[in-house]
Amino acid sequence: MLHQLKQQMDKQPRMKQIFRMTVALMLALPATADAQQVNDNNTPLHLMKPDYKLGYGIPKTEQVKQVMDRVLNYITTETPATLVDKRTGQEVKKLKDIDENTQLKQGGFRLTSYEWGVTYSGVLAAYEATGDKAYRDYVFTRHKLLADIAPRFEQLYKAHKSIDGNVRRVIDPHALDDAGAVCASMIKAKMMDGSLPLDPLIRRYADYIMNKEYRLSDGTFARLRPHKNTVWLDDMFMGIPALAYMGKYTGEPRYYDEAARQVLSFASRMFVPEKRLFRHGWIEAMQPHPAFHWGRANGWAILTLCEVLDVLPNDHPQRADIMNLLQQHAAGLAALQHHDGYWHQLLDRQDTYLEASATAIYAYCFAHAINKGWLDAKAYGPVALTAWHAVASAVNDRGQVEHVCVGTGMGFDAAFYAYRPTHVMAAHGYGPVIWAGAEIIRLLQQQHPKSNDSAVMFYDEEVPTDKPIFNYDGSLRF
């Protein structure tokens, strides 16, 4: 019967509707229906709708932006761009009134943390992808506030007055966490609008990274905890992208060279070729070097590679090595994606929980690398879209991001990572979600995804099909 209906559809448009209704009716029958009613001969069982847990398929750009907007609205209320007197709670409106009792008004998140440096970059990317000025204004307002208040707080600090710790990070960085992510976001903002008064802050941050951060004897960024001469994978992102962007900002090759050297120096210690993943920590005095492949730290690593490749000159001698590292890492990550789109807290241990911040970073990086032509859309486009469905599912109605691992130090046992808590106030998830959404919108605009026999496929160009493609409800799309 179905075959006969299909043969007549082109001649009789009314038959198309009948065919669709027939297929939909057959697919609606319960799985336990008598074999005489539904079987392999009389029903196209391959058209049965899968029961995806978190969604599947090709989202619409407006659906992606709706998720991003919820997050932006939430973080706007949680990050007031205001000064207050910490004794009275009253707003301090004039710069001349700033004293040792003045602080940034406290919301749910800190305006000067590295997590918020990530957020600023993600929100700027959202503005570029959507043209929605609310995203641009969110960043510009907070960056300008920090630039405006820095000179007055610096005076107090030099006079040995106690000042707000969130502002101290800006005028006297003590670690890569204080400097790199915010610096990179400020460079991006300054290149977007040259009138922003950010240059003094950018140069202070860059000076700390280039000249003051602790290093190993070969110059690799390092820390003194949990042991002397420890290399943290996180520090790839906390320091290197800012240097690469300083190369673009100033035109000075030394910044590019140092960024590229740091990438390859980290990789020589941290990248595990047989797994195509990075270890989280490396301690100089430890032998052997255990490899725990923490999801978010691997996110910082591949995000660093994307950020560096975005600005590193095409003729730079290390560019090909960094590109190869990105492609190897992407292959290792793609092989470990959970079928619901997430990645695990420990990437290669499927008994650990599914984690949202790493998944959001990967969604961005896969989509970005495809859009830049660094990765094959046919191979990795479905990875990016499936990841986005997971990311979108982690954003609740308030715009909070769920399933995000809290801040995490370094460990050398699986239990340490597997039992790290998650919390909606973990700041690490917000920037990556918006950044991912922005790049998924670009992916949908620049690439050519289609649903083919229910599967997500990417094509080299918009190709009309001369064969019907079935939708999930059994209807034909021509």
Protein backbone atom coordinates (compact mmCIF):
# COMPACT_ATOMS: atom_id res chain seq x y z
CA MET A 1 0.00 0.00 0.00
CA LEU A 2 2.75 2.47 0.90
CA HIS A 3 4.57 1.80 -2.35
CA GLN A 4 1.45 2.40 -4.39
CA LEU A 5 0.69 5.65 -2.55
CA LYS A 6 4.20 6.90 -3.08
CA GLN A 7 4.05 6.21 -6.84
CA GLN A 8 0.97 8.38 -7.16
CA MET A 9 2.16 11.30 -5.01
CA ASP A 10 3.79 13.33 -7.78
CA LYS A 11 0.67 12.97 -9.96
CA GLN A 12 -1.84 13.66 -7.21
CA PRO A 13 -0.69 16.11 -4.51
CA ARG A 14 -3.58 15.02 -2.29
CA MET A 15 -1.97 11.59 -2.13
CA LYS A 16 1.09 13.07 -0.46
CA GLN A 17 -1.02 14.10 2.50
CA ILE A 18 -2.64 10.66 2.65
CA PHE A 19 0.76 8.99 2.58
CA ARG A 20 2.03 11.13 5.44
CA MET A 21 -1.04 10.44 7.53
CA THR A 22 -0.73 6.71 6.88
CA VAL A 23 2.93 6.59 7.90
CA ALA A 24 2.27 8.70 10.99
CA LEU A 25 -0.58 6.39 11.99
CA MET A 26 1.59 3.31 11.58
CA LEU A 27 4.44 4.83 13.59
CA ALA A 28 2.02 5.75 16.36
CA LEU A 29 1.11 2.12 16.92
CA PRO A 30 2.57 0.67 20.11
CA ALA A 31 5.64 -1.54 19.88
CA THR A 32 3.61 -4.46 21.21
CA ALA A 33 1.05 -4.30 18.42
CA ASP A 34 0.22 -7.56 16.67
CA ALA A 35 2.80 -8.50 14.03
CA GLN A 36 0.01 -8.61 11.43
CA GLN A 37 -0.55 -4.89 11.97
CA VAL A 38 3.08 -3.69 12.10
CA ASN A 39 5.97 -5.66 10.64
CA ASP A 40 9.00 -5.22 8.44
CA ASN A 41 6.96 -5.78 5.26
CA ASN A 42 4.15 -3.30 5.79
CA THR A 43 5.80 -0.51 7.84
CA PRO A 44 8.95 1.60 7.28
CA LEU A 45 10.30 0.86 10.75
CA HIS A 46 13.46 2.84 10.08
CA LEU A 47 11.28 5.95 10.32
CA MET A 48 10.36 5.32 13.94
CA LYS A 49 11.27 8.37 15.98
CA PRO A 50 14.28 7.77 18.26
CA ASP A 51 13.85 8.62 21.91
CA TYR A 52 16.72 11.08 22.22
CA LYS A 53 17.31 12.08 25.81
CA LEU A 54 18.62 15.61 25.22
CA GLY A 55 17.62 16.36 21.67
CA TYR A 56 19.19 15.77 18.30
CA GLY A 57 19.26 17.29 14.87
CA ILE A 58 19.88 20.74 13.44
CA PRO A 59 18.78 23.57 15.74
CA LYS A 60 17.46 26.86 14.44
CA THR A 61 19.60 29.94 15.03
CA GLU A 62 16.79 31.60 16.96
CA GLN A 63 16.64 28.62 19.31
CA VAL A 64 20.37 28.88 19.97
CA LYS A 65 20.13 32.59 20.66
CA GLN A 66 17.24 32.09 23.06
CA VAL A 67 19.52 29.94 25.20
CA MET A 68 22.30 32.53 25.01
CA ASP A 69 19.90 35.35 25.90
CA ARG A 70 18.73 33.53 29.02
CA VAL A 71 22.31 33.22 30.18
CA LEU A 72 23.12 36.86 29.37
CA ASN A 73 20.05 38.09 31.24
CA TYR A 74 21.00 36.03 34.25
CA ILE A 75 24.64 37.10 34.44
CA THR A 76 23.68 40.73 33.88
CA THR A 77 21.71 40.70 37.12
CA GLU A 78 24.46 38.75 38.91
CA THR A 79 27.36 41.04 37.92
CA PRO A 80 26.42 44.65 38.74
CA ALA A 81 28.80 47.24 37.28
CA THR A 82 28.65 49.45 40.35
CA LEU A 83 30.83 50.65 43.22
CA VAL A 84 29.50 50.71 46.77
CA ASP A 85 30.68 51.63 50.24
CA LYS A 86 31.16 48.28 51.99
CA ARG A 87 30.07 49.76 55.35
CA THR A 88 26.79 51.27 54.23
CA GLY A 89 26.04 49.56 50.92
CA GLN A 90 25.46 52.98 49.35
CA GLU A 91 26.53 53.47 45.75
CA VAL A 92 29.75 55.41 45.14
CA LYS A 93 29.10 57.43 42.01
CA LYS A 94 32.12 59.73 41.76
CA LEU A 95 35.69 58.61 41.22
CA LYS A 96 36.97 61.19 43.72
CA ASP A 97 34.89 59.56 46.45
CA ILE A 98 36.66 56.20 46.14
CA ASP A 99 38.48 55.29 49.35
CA GLU A 100 39.62 52.15 51.18
CA ASN A 101 35.99 51.33 52.00
CA THR A 102 34.94 51.29 48.34
CA GLN A 103 34.42 47.99 46.59
CA LEU A 104 32.80 46.55 43.51
CA LYS A 105 29.22 45.68 44.37
CA GLN A 106 29.09 41.98 45.02
CA GLY A 107 26.88 39.79 42.90
CA GLY A 108 27.04 36.09 42.21
CA PHE A 109 30.25 36.34 40.18
CA ARG A 110 33.46 38.40 40.19
CA LEU A 111 34.11 40.93 37.41
CA THR A 112 37.89 40.39 37.43
CA SER A 113 38.28 36.61 37.74
CA TYR A 114 39.72 34.46 34.97
CA GLU A 115 36.29 32.83 34.60
CA TRP A 116 34.89 36.24 33.79
CA GLY A 117 37.69 36.90 31.33
CA VAL A 118 36.37 33.83 29.50
CA THR A 119 32.85 35.23 29.79
CA TYR A 120 33.87 38.59 28.33
CA SER A 121 35.44 36.86 25.31
CA GLY A 122 32.38 34.67 24.83
CA VAL A 123 29.99 37.61 25.06
CA LEU A 124 32.03 39.63 22.55
CA ALA A 125 31.88 36.66 20.18
CA ALA A 126 28.12 36.60 20.65
CA TYR A 127 27.89 40.24 19.63
CA GLU A 128 29.92 39.55 16.50
CA ALA A 129 27.79 36.52 15.62
CA THR A 130 24.39 38.10 16.28
CA GLY A 131 24.83 41.87 16.05
CA ASP A 132 22.86 42.19 19.30
CA LYS A 133 24.31 45.25 21.04
CA ALA A 134 23.24 43.98 24.45
CA TYR A 135 26.19 41.60 24.31
CA ARG A 136 28.68 44.30 23.33
CA ASP A 137 27.38 46.70 25.96
CA TYR A 138 27.64 44.09 28.70
CA VAL A 139 31.39 43.81 28.16
CA PHE A 140 32.14 47.43 27.34
CA THR A 141 30.36 48.68 30.47
CA ARG A 142 32.34 46.42 32.79
CA HIS A 143 35.67 46.88 31.06
CA LYS A 144 35.28 50.65 31.09
CA LEU A 145 34.36 50.63 34.78
CA LEU A 146 37.56 48.75 35.61
CA ALA A 147 39.64 51.14 33.49
CA ASP A 148 38.04 54.21 35.05
CA ILE A 149 38.51 53.16 38.67
CA ALA A 150 41.99 51.65 38.33
CA PRO A 151 44.01 54.89 38.73
CA ARG A 152 42.26 55.89 41.96
CA PHE A 153 42.57 52.43 43.49
CA GLU A 154 46.21 52.35 42.45
CA GLN A 155 46.83 55.53 44.42
CA LEU A 156 45.30 53.95 47.50
CA TYR A 157 47.26 50.74 46.99
CA LYS A 158 50.58 52.59 46.70
CA ALA A 159 49.69 54.43 49.88
CA HIS A 160 49.42 51.01 51.57
CA LYS A 161 45.68 51.26 52.01
CA SER A 162 43.59 48.11 52.02
CA ILE A 163 41.61 47.83 48.78
CA ASP A 164 39.02 45.50 47.25
CA GLY A 165 40.72 42.25 46.26
CA ASN A 166 38.78 42.11 43.01
CA VAL A 167 40.32 45.44 41.99
CA ARG A 168 43.77 44.46 43.28
CA ARG A 169 43.85 41.74 40.60
CA VAL A 170 43.61 44.48 37.99
CA ILE A 171 46.25 46.89 39.29
CA ASP A 172 48.70 44.33 40.71
CA PRO A 173 48.29 40.84 39.20
CA HIS A 174 49.83 38.06 41.29
CA ALA A 175 49.15 35.06 39.04
CA LEU A 176 48.20 34.05 35.52
CA ASP A 177 44.66 33.58 36.84
CA ASP A 178 44.60 37.32 37.55
CA ALA A 179 45.91 38.37 34.19
CA GLY A 180 45.58 36.28 31.05
CA ALA A 181 41.90 35.71 30.36
CA VAL A 182 40.83 39.25 31.24
CA CYS A 183 43.75 40.68 29.25
CA ALA A 184 42.80 38.74 26.12
CA SER A 185 39.19 39.89 26.41
CA MET A 186 40.29 43.52 26.79
CA ILE A 187 42.48 43.32 23.70
CA LYS A 188 39.51 41.97 21.73
CA ALA A 189 37.30 44.78 23.03
CA LYS A 190 39.93 47.43 22.29
CA MET A 191 40.36 46.16 18.73
CA MET A 192 36.59 46.32 18.37
CA ASP A 193 36.37 49.90 19.69
CA GLY A 194 39.61 51.85 19.86
CA SER A 195 38.07 54.51 22.09
CA LEU A 196 37.87 52.20 25.11
CA PRO A 197 40.50 53.34 27.68
CA LEU A 198 41.93 49.86 28.18
CA ASP A 199 45.53 50.21 27.01
CA PRO A 200 47.12 50.78 30.46
CA LEU A 201 45.39 47.70 31.87
CA ILE A 202 46.27 45.56 28.85
CA ARG A 203 49.93 46.48 29.07
CA ARG A 204 50.07 45.87 32.83
CA TYR A 205 48.57 42.42 32.42
CA ALA A 206 50.89 41.59 29.51
CA ASP A 207 53.93 42.76 31.46
CA TYR A 208 53.04 40.40 34.29
CA ILE A 209 52.61 37.44 31.94
CA MET A 210 55.73 38.14 29.91
CA ASN A 211 58.11 39.20 32.65
CA LYS A 212 56.90 38.27 36.14
CA GLU A 213 55.14 34.90 36.10
CA TYR A 214 57.08 32.02 37.67
CA ARG A 215 58.66 29.64 35.13
CA LEU A 216 60.67 26.46 34.84
CA SER A 217 64.33 26.76 33.89
CA ASP A 218 63.41 26.48 30.19
CA GLY A 219 60.86 29.30 30.51
CA THR A 220 57.65 27.25 30.68
CA PHE A 221 54.94 28.78 32.87
CA ALA A 222 54.82 26.93 36.19
CA ARG A 223 53.59 27.10 39.77
CA LEU A 224 54.99 26.29 43.18
CA ARG A 225 51.97 24.21 44.17
CA PRO A 226 51.10 21.47 44.93
CA HIS A 227 54.85 20.87 44.50
CA LYS A 228 57.68 23.06 43.34
CA ASN A 229 57.86 23.34 39.55
CA THR A 230 54.40 22.09 38.72
CA VAL A 231 52.97 22.69 35.24
CA TRP A 232 49.19 23.09 35.16
CA LEU A 233 47.34 22.52 31.91
CA ASP A 234 44.96 25.32 32.93
CA ASP A 235 47.83 27.79 32.56
CA MET A 236 47.93 27.27 28.81
CA PHE A 237 44.75 29.31 28.64
CA MET A 238 45.55 31.59 31.58
CA GLY A 239 48.65 32.94 29.88
CA ILE A 240 49.19 32.01 26.24
CA PRO A 241 46.21 33.51 24.33
CA ALA A 242 46.89 36.94 25.85
CA LEU A 243 50.44 36.80 24.51
CA ALA A 244 49.24 35.78 21.05
CA TYR A 245 46.74 38.62 21.03
CA MET A 246 49.43 41.03 22.19
CA GLY A 247 51.25 40.10 19.01
CA LYS A 248 48.26 41.21 16.98
CA TYR A 249 47.61 44.25 19.20
CA THR A 250 51.16 45.60 19.09
CA GLY A 251 52.55 44.07 15.90
CA GLU A 252 55.57 42.84 17.86
CA PRO A 253 56.69 39.33 16.75
CA ARG A 254 58.18 38.53 20.17
CA TYR A 255 54.70 37.98 21.56
CA TYR A 256 53.78 35.54 18.80
CA ASP A 257 57.07 33.71 19.27
CA GLU A 258 56.61 33.37 23.02
CA ALA A 259 53.01 32.20 22.65
CA ALA A 260 54.00 29.52 20.13
CA ARG A 261 56.99 28.42 22.23
CA GLN A 262 54.80 28.06 25.32
CA VAL A 263 52.21 25.96 23.44
CA LEU A 264 54.80 23.47 22.24
CA SER A 265 56.59 23.42 25.59
CA PHE A 266 53.34 22.56 27.38
CA ALA A 267 52.56 19.91 24.78
CA SER A 268 55.96 18.25 25.17
CA ARG A 269 55.13 17.53 28.81
CA MET A 270 51.35 17.31 28.85
CA PHE A 271 50.13 15.78 25.58
CA VAL A 272 49.74 11.98 25.67
CA PRO A 273 50.02 10.90 22.01
CA GLU A 274 48.53 7.42 22.39
CA LYS A 275 45.33 8.92 23.80
CA ARG A 276 45.48 12.24 21.93
CA LEU A 277 44.60 13.95 25.21
CA PHE A 278 46.40 16.23 27.66
CA ARG A 279 47.23 15.29 31.24
CA HIS A 280 46.10 17.82 33.83
CA GLY A 281 49.32 18.12 35.80
CA TRP A 282 53.04 17.58 35.42
CA ILE A 283 55.49 17.83 38.31
CA GLU A 284 59.15 18.14 37.51
CA ALA A 285 60.35 15.95 40.39
CA MET A 286 57.75 13.21 39.85
CA GLN A 287 58.53 9.96 38.06
CA PRO A 288 56.58 8.61 36.29
CA HIS A 289 54.13 11.32 35.28
CA PRO A 290 50.54 10.10 35.89
CA ALA A 291 47.96 11.14 33.33
CA PHE A 292 44.52 12.21 34.52
CA HIS A 293 42.60 13.66 31.62
CA TRP A 294 40.32 16.18 33.29
CA GLY A 295 37.64 17.48 30.95
CA ARG A 296 37.75 21.22 31.61
CA ALA A 297 41.55 21.39 31.59
CA ASN A 298 41.55 19.70 28.18
CA GLY A 299 39.01 22.35 27.24
CA TRP A 300 41.42 25.10 28.23
CA ALA A 301 44.07 23.43 26.11
CA ILE A 302 42.09 23.14 22.87
CA LEU A 303 40.62 26.62 23.42
CA THR A 304 44.18 27.93 23.68
CA LEU A 305 45.06 26.28 20.38
CA CYS A 306 42.05 27.92 18.72
CA GLU A 307 42.86 31.33 20.19
CA VAL A 308 46.51 31.17 19.12
CA LEU A 309 45.73 29.97 15.60
CA ASP A 310 43.20 32.78 15.23
CA VAL A 311 45.97 35.41 15.36
CA LEU A 312 49.28 33.63 14.70
CA PRO A 313 50.57 34.70 11.27
CA ASN A 314 50.15 32.10 8.53
CA ASP A 315 53.90 32.10 7.87
CA HIS A 316 54.91 31.62 11.50
CA PRO A 317 57.35 28.68 11.69
CA GLN A 318 55.42 26.94 14.52
CA ARG A 319 51.96 27.32 13.04
CA ALA A 320 51.91 23.93 11.32
CA ASP A 321 52.95 22.15 14.53
CA ILE A 322 50.21 23.88 16.50
CA MET A 323 47.65 23.08 13.81
CA ASN A 324 48.64 19.41 13.91
CA LEU A 325 48.29 19.43 17.69
CA LEU A 326 44.77 20.87 17.39
CA GLN A 327 43.76 18.22 14.87
CA GLN A 328 45.18 15.39 16.96
CA HIS A 329 43.47 16.65 20.09
CA ALA A 330 40.15 17.09 18.30
CA ALA A 331 40.29 13.49 17.08
CA GLY A 332 40.99 12.24 20.59
CA LEU A 333 38.14 14.24 22.07
CA ALA A 334 35.60 13.31 19.39
CA ALA A 335 36.20 9.62 20.02
CA LEU A 336 35.18 10.04 23.68
CA GLN A 337 31.97 12.06 23.29
CA HIS A 338 29.05 10.50 25.16
CA HIS A 339 26.04 9.62 23.02
CA ASP A 340 24.02 12.37 24.73
CA GLY A 341 26.52 14.99 23.53
CA TYR A 342 28.39 15.57 26.77
CA TRP A 343 31.93 14.63 27.75
CA HIS A 344 32.84 13.00 31.03
CA GLN A 345 34.54 14.71 33.97
CA LEU A 346 37.51 12.40 33.39
CA LEU A 347 37.40 12.07 29.64
CA ASP A 348 38.46 8.46 29.36
CA ARG A 349 36.55 7.18 32.39
CA GLN A 350 32.92 6.69 31.49
CA ASP A 351 31.98 6.02 35.10
CA THR A 352 32.56 9.70 35.92
CA TYR A 353 29.77 12.24 35.52
CA LEU A 354 28.86 14.22 32.42
CA GLU A 355 30.15 17.77 32.77
CA ALA A 356 28.79 20.92 31.11
CA SER A 357 31.64 23.47 31.09
CA ALA A 358 34.04 21.18 29.23
CA THR A 359 31.26 20.22 26.83
CA ALA A 360 30.53 23.89 26.10
CA ILE A 361 34.21 24.61 25.42
CA TYR A 362 34.41 21.65 23.06
CA ALA A 363 31.21 22.70 21.29
CA TYR A 364 32.81 26.07 20.63
CA CYS A 365 36.18 24.68 19.58
CA PHE A 366 34.81 22.07 17.18
CA ALA A 367 32.44 24.58 15.58
CA HIS A 368 35.14 27.25 15.39
CA ALA A 369 37.74 24.94 13.90
CA ILE A 370 35.23 23.83 11.27
CA ASN A 371 34.30 27.40 10.42
CA LYS A 372 37.99 28.27 10.08
CA GLY A 373 38.63 25.30 7.80
CA TRP A 374 40.94 23.54 10.28
CA LEU A 375 38.64 20.54 10.75
CA ASP A 376 36.42 18.68 8.27
CA ALA A 377 32.78 19.64 8.74
CA LYS A 378 31.60 16.23 7.51
CA ALA A 379 33.57 14.46 10.24
CA TYR A 380 33.15 16.90 13.11
CA GLY A 381 30.03 18.94 12.40
CA PRO A 382 27.73 16.34 14.00
CA VAL A 383 30.03 16.32 17.06
CA ALA A 384 29.57 20.08 17.48
CA LEU A 385 25.78 20.02 17.05
CA THR A 386 25.30 17.08 19.40
CA ALA A 387 27.45 18.88 21.94
CA TRP A 388 25.28 21.97 21.59
CA HIS A 389 22.14 20.01 22.40
CA ALA A 390 23.81 18.89 25.63
CA VAL A 391 24.92 22.44 26.43
CA ALA A 392 21.44 23.85 25.81
CA SER A 393 19.94 21.20 28.08
CA ALA A 394 22.23 22.35 30.90
CA VAL A 395 20.78 25.89 30.89
CA ASN A 396 17.76 26.09 33.16
CA ASP A 397 14.81 28.49 32.88
CA ARG A 398 16.59 31.15 34.95
CA GLY A 399 19.62 31.09 32.68
CA GLN A 400 21.80 29.24 35.17
CA VAL A 401 24.20 26.63 33.84
CA GLU A 402 23.89 23.30 35.60
CA HIS A 403 26.27 20.31 35.79
CA VAL A 404 29.38 22.50 36.04
CA CYS A 405 32.32 21.24 38.07
CA VAL A 406 33.43 23.72 40.73
CA GLY A 407 36.97 25.09 40.83
CA THR A 408 39.41 22.22 40.88
CA GLY A 409 43.02 21.88 41.93
CA MET A 410 45.34 19.11 40.89
CA GLY A 411 45.16 15.47 41.95
CA PHE A 412 46.82 12.20 41.11
CA ASP A 413 43.98 9.79 41.74
CA ALA A 414 40.66 9.26 39.98
CA ALA A 415 38.58 9.78 43.12
CA PHE A 416 39.73 13.40 43.43
CA TYR A 417 38.24 14.30 40.06
CA ALA A 418 35.28 11.93 40.06
CA TYR A 419 33.82 13.37 43.25
CA ARG A 420 34.34 17.06 42.61
CA PRO A 421 30.98 18.80 43.24
CA THR A 422 28.95 20.63 40.63
CA HIS A 423 27.07 23.87 41.25
CA VAL A 424 25.08 26.46 39.30
CA MET A 425 27.24 29.22 40.82
CA ALA A 426 30.44 27.72 39.42
CA ALA A 427 31.47 30.59 37.17
CA HIS A 428 33.32 28.39 34.69
CA GLY A 429 30.23 27.46 32.69
CA TYR A 430 28.75 30.81 31.72
CA GLY A 431 31.28 32.17 29.26
CA PRO A 432 31.73 28.86 27.46
CA VAL A 433 27.97 28.44 26.96
CA ILE A 434 27.61 31.86 25.32
CA TRP A 435 30.81 31.37 23.33
CA ALA A 436 29.57 28.00 22.12
CA GLY A 437 26.20 29.41 21.11
CA ALA A 438 27.84 32.19 19.14
CA GLU A 439 29.96 29.77 17.13
CA ILE A 440 27.11 27.33 16.59
CA ILE A 441 25.14 30.20 15.04
CA ARG A 442 28.10 30.84 12.72
CA LEU A 443 28.24 27.12 11.95
CA LEU A 444 24.57 27.08 10.96
CA GLN A 445 25.09 30.17 8.80
CA GLN A 446 28.34 29.15 7.12
CA GLN A 447 28.09 25.37 6.79
CA HIS A 448 25.52 23.10 5.17
CA PRO A 449 24.02 20.63 7.65
CA LYS A 450 21.07 18.51 6.60
CA SER A 451 19.04 15.70 8.09
CA ASN A 452 19.50 12.67 5.86
CA ASP A 453 17.62 9.52 6.78
CA SER A 454 17.30 10.98 10.30
CA ALA A 455 21.07 11.50 10.73
CA VAL A 456 22.85 14.86 10.88
CA MET A 457 25.11 15.24 7.86
CA PHE A 458 27.28 18.12 6.69
CA TYR A 459 27.76 18.84 2.98
CA ASP A 460 30.25 20.96 1.06
CA GLU A 461 27.50 23.13 -0.36
CA GLU A 462 23.76 23.54 -0.42
CA VAL A 463 22.69 20.54 -2.46
CA PRO A 464 19.09 19.96 -3.44
CA THR A 465 18.21 16.31 -3.12
CA ASP A 466 16.38 14.38 -5.82
CA LYS A 467 15.38 11.74 -3.29
CA PRO A 468 12.98 12.27 -0.42
CA ILE A 469 14.38 12.87 3.04
CA PHE A 470 12.20 11.61 5.85
CA ASN A 471 11.47 13.74 8.89
CA TYR A 472 11.18 12.16 12.32
CA ASP A 473 7.37 12.17 12.19
CA GLY A 474 7.35 10.07 9.04
CA SER A 475 6.58 12.99 6.75
CA LEU A 476 8.50 13.44 3.53
CA ARG A 477 10.60 16.54 2.89
CA PHE A 478 11.27 17.25 -0.81
